[in-house]
Structure formats: structure tokens, C-alpha cells
Amino acid sequence: MRPESTILPRHPTSASCRSIRFSLAGGGWGAWEIAGRVSTIDLNNQLATATGIAGGRQTIYTAGLNWYVNRNVRFLFDYLHGNVAKQISPTNLGDAGAKFDAFAMRTQVAF
């Protein structure tokens, strides 16, 4: 599945992005980007057999908000909700899965 995002104020081409007032000192607020993603991985192989692998299946839903303060600095804020569906062994159907929620923040400086 493809990640989806949009930048506010919306500019269809990178050339028109030059019109955004990125500088906080110049009265602008930079650009904001809203992003979402769903990712899934299946690590099971030959379940219900003695030589099978019960690696599980993981699905993560991500919602993100990115702030481009200026042309060189951006802050990335992400909320992740994950679900790991895993059985105890290839032949034991007991549930060993888990769910998790996480908040991540990163800063990127380009020079």
C-alpha cells in the first residue's frame, strides 16, 4: 500500500513551493504536511507443520504531521498503532500476539 500525504498550503509543483514564506521572522508559518500509512508484513511460513515458522503478522497504522519550518529544518511527528498477530508455535494456535501505541518525533536539518 502506498503512503499518502498532502502539504498545506497546497502547491501542485515544487517550483511553486518557492512562494511559501518559510521564514518565521518573515511572518510565515512554513508548510505543514499531513501523512498516513498502513504497513503489513507476514512472517508465517508453513503453519500447522512441524517445520513451519510462526513469525506472526504485523500491521501498523501511522498518522503523521510534518512541519517544514524553513527550507532547511523540518519536524516530524508520528503516531503509530500496531497489532501483532502471532501464534505460540507452528502447531500451537495459542495467542502470543500484542498491540502497541507509540509517538515519535524527529528533527531533520539539511545543509
Protein backbone atom coordinates (compact mmCIF):
# COMPACT_ATOMS: atom_id res chain seq x y z
CA MET A 1 0.00 0.00 0.00
CA ARG A 2 1.23 3.48 -0.89
CA PRO A 3 1.76 6.14 1.80
CA GLU A 4 -0.45 9.20 1.35
CA SER A 5 0.34 12.78 2.30
CA THR A 6 -0.58 16.34 1.48
CA ILE A 7 1.19 19.65 2.08
CA LEU A 8 -0.67 22.70 3.38
CA PRO A 9 -0.72 25.27 1.83
CA ARG A 10 -1.22 23.02 -1.16
CA HIS A 11 1.12 23.65 -4.08
CA PRO A 12 0.96 21.22 -7.02
CA THR A 13 4.55 21.65 -8.20
CA SER A 14 7.85 22.03 -6.44
CA ALA A 15 8.54 25.21 -8.45
CA SER A 16 5.50 26.89 -6.89
CA CYS A 17 6.78 25.88 -3.45
CA ARG A 18 9.16 28.84 -3.67
CA SER A 19 6.22 31.14 -2.97
CA ILE A 20 5.76 29.74 0.57
CA ARG A 21 7.05 32.17 3.21
CA PHE A 22 9.11 29.67 5.17
CA SER A 23 10.80 32.14 7.48
CA LEU A 24 9.17 32.62 10.88
CA ALA A 25 10.88 36.01 11.06
CA GLY A 26 9.23 36.98 7.74
CA GLY A 27 5.74 36.35 9.11
CA GLY A 28 5.22 32.91 7.55
CA TRP A 29 4.47 29.61 9.26
CA GLY A 30 6.28 27.42 6.76
CA ALA A 31 4.45 24.41 5.36
CA TRP A 32 2.53 21.64 7.09
CA GLU A 33 2.20 18.10 5.74
CA ILE A 34 -0.38 15.55 6.87
CA ALA A 35 0.60 11.93 6.18
CA GLY A 36 -0.88 8.48 6.68
CA ARG A 37 0.39 4.97 6.09
CA VAL A 38 -0.65 1.37 6.62
CA SER A 39 2.05 -1.31 6.52
CA THR A 40 1.73 -5.07 6.88
CA ILE A 41 4.26 -7.89 7.00
CA ASP A 42 3.53 -11.61 7.18
CA LEU A 43 6.37 -13.69 8.68
CA ASN A 44 4.48 -17.02 8.83
CA ASN A 45 5.56 -19.97 6.71
CA GLN A 46 4.03 -23.46 6.53
CA LEU A 47 1.89 -23.15 9.64
CA ALA A 48 0.42 -26.38 11.08
CA THR A 49 3.55 -28.32 10.11
CA ALA A 50 6.42 -29.39 12.36
CA THR A 51 8.96 -27.44 10.28
CA GLY A 52 6.80 -24.34 9.93
CA ILE A 53 7.69 -20.88 11.15
CA ALA A 54 5.22 -18.91 13.28
CA GLY A 55 6.74 -15.47 12.79
CA GLY A 56 3.40 -13.71 13.01
CA ARG A 57 1.69 -10.96 11.06
CA GLN A 58 2.19 -7.30 11.94
CA THR A 59 0.06 -4.37 10.85
CA ILE A 60 0.97 -0.77 11.71
CA TYR A 61 -1.24 2.28 11.16
CA THR A 62 0.64 5.60 11.13
CA ALA A 63 -0.68 9.17 11.20
CA GLY A 64 1.88 11.93 10.81
CA LEU A 65 2.16 15.70 10.92
CA ASN A 66 5.30 17.30 9.44
CA TRP A 67 6.24 20.95 9.86
CA TYR A 68 8.67 22.49 7.37
CA VAL A 69 9.86 25.48 9.40
CA ASN A 70 12.12 26.71 6.60
CA ARG A 71 13.93 25.23 3.64
CA ASN A 72 16.49 23.53 5.89
CA VAL A 73 14.60 22.41 9.00
CA ARG A 74 11.58 20.17 9.49
CA PHE A 75 9.93 18.49 12.47
CA LEU A 76 8.17 15.16 12.02
CA PHE A 77 5.52 13.97 14.49
CA ASP A 78 4.11 10.43 14.10
CA TYR A 79 1.52 8.38 15.99
CA LEU A 80 1.69 4.61 15.41
CA HIS A 81 -0.84 1.94 16.35
CA GLY A 82 0.35 -1.62 15.81
CA ASN A 83 -1.15 -5.07 16.00
CA VAL A 84 1.00 -8.22 16.07
CA ALA A 85 -0.98 -11.42 15.48
CA LYS A 86 1.25 -14.36 16.42
CA GLN A 87 0.57 -17.91 17.48
CA ILE A 88 2.78 -19.66 20.03
CA SER A 89 4.30 -22.16 17.58
CA PRO A 90 3.54 -23.52 14.11
CA THR A 91 1.40 -26.28 15.64
CA ASN A 92 0.05 -24.47 18.76
CA LEU A 93 -2.72 -21.97 17.99
CA GLY A 94 -2.37 -20.14 21.32
CA ASP A 95 -2.23 -16.34 21.04
CA ALA A 96 1.19 -14.77 21.65
CA GLY A 97 0.42 -11.51 19.85
CA ALA A 98 0.43 -7.97 21.15
CA LYS A 99 -0.79 -4.45 20.41
CA PHE A 100 1.17 -1.25 20.82
CA ASP A 101 0.85 2.51 20.50
CA ALA A 102 3.81 4.83 20.02
CA PHE A 103 4.52 8.52 19.46
CA ALA A 104 7.66 9.50 17.59
CA MET A 105 9.24 12.90 16.97
CA ARG A 106 12.20 13.58 14.69
CA THR A 107 14.02 16.69 13.56
CA GLN A 108 15.78 16.95 10.22
CA VAL A 109 18.34 19.62 9.36
CA ALA A 110 19.60 19.81 5.77
CA PHE A 111 22.72 21.78 4.97
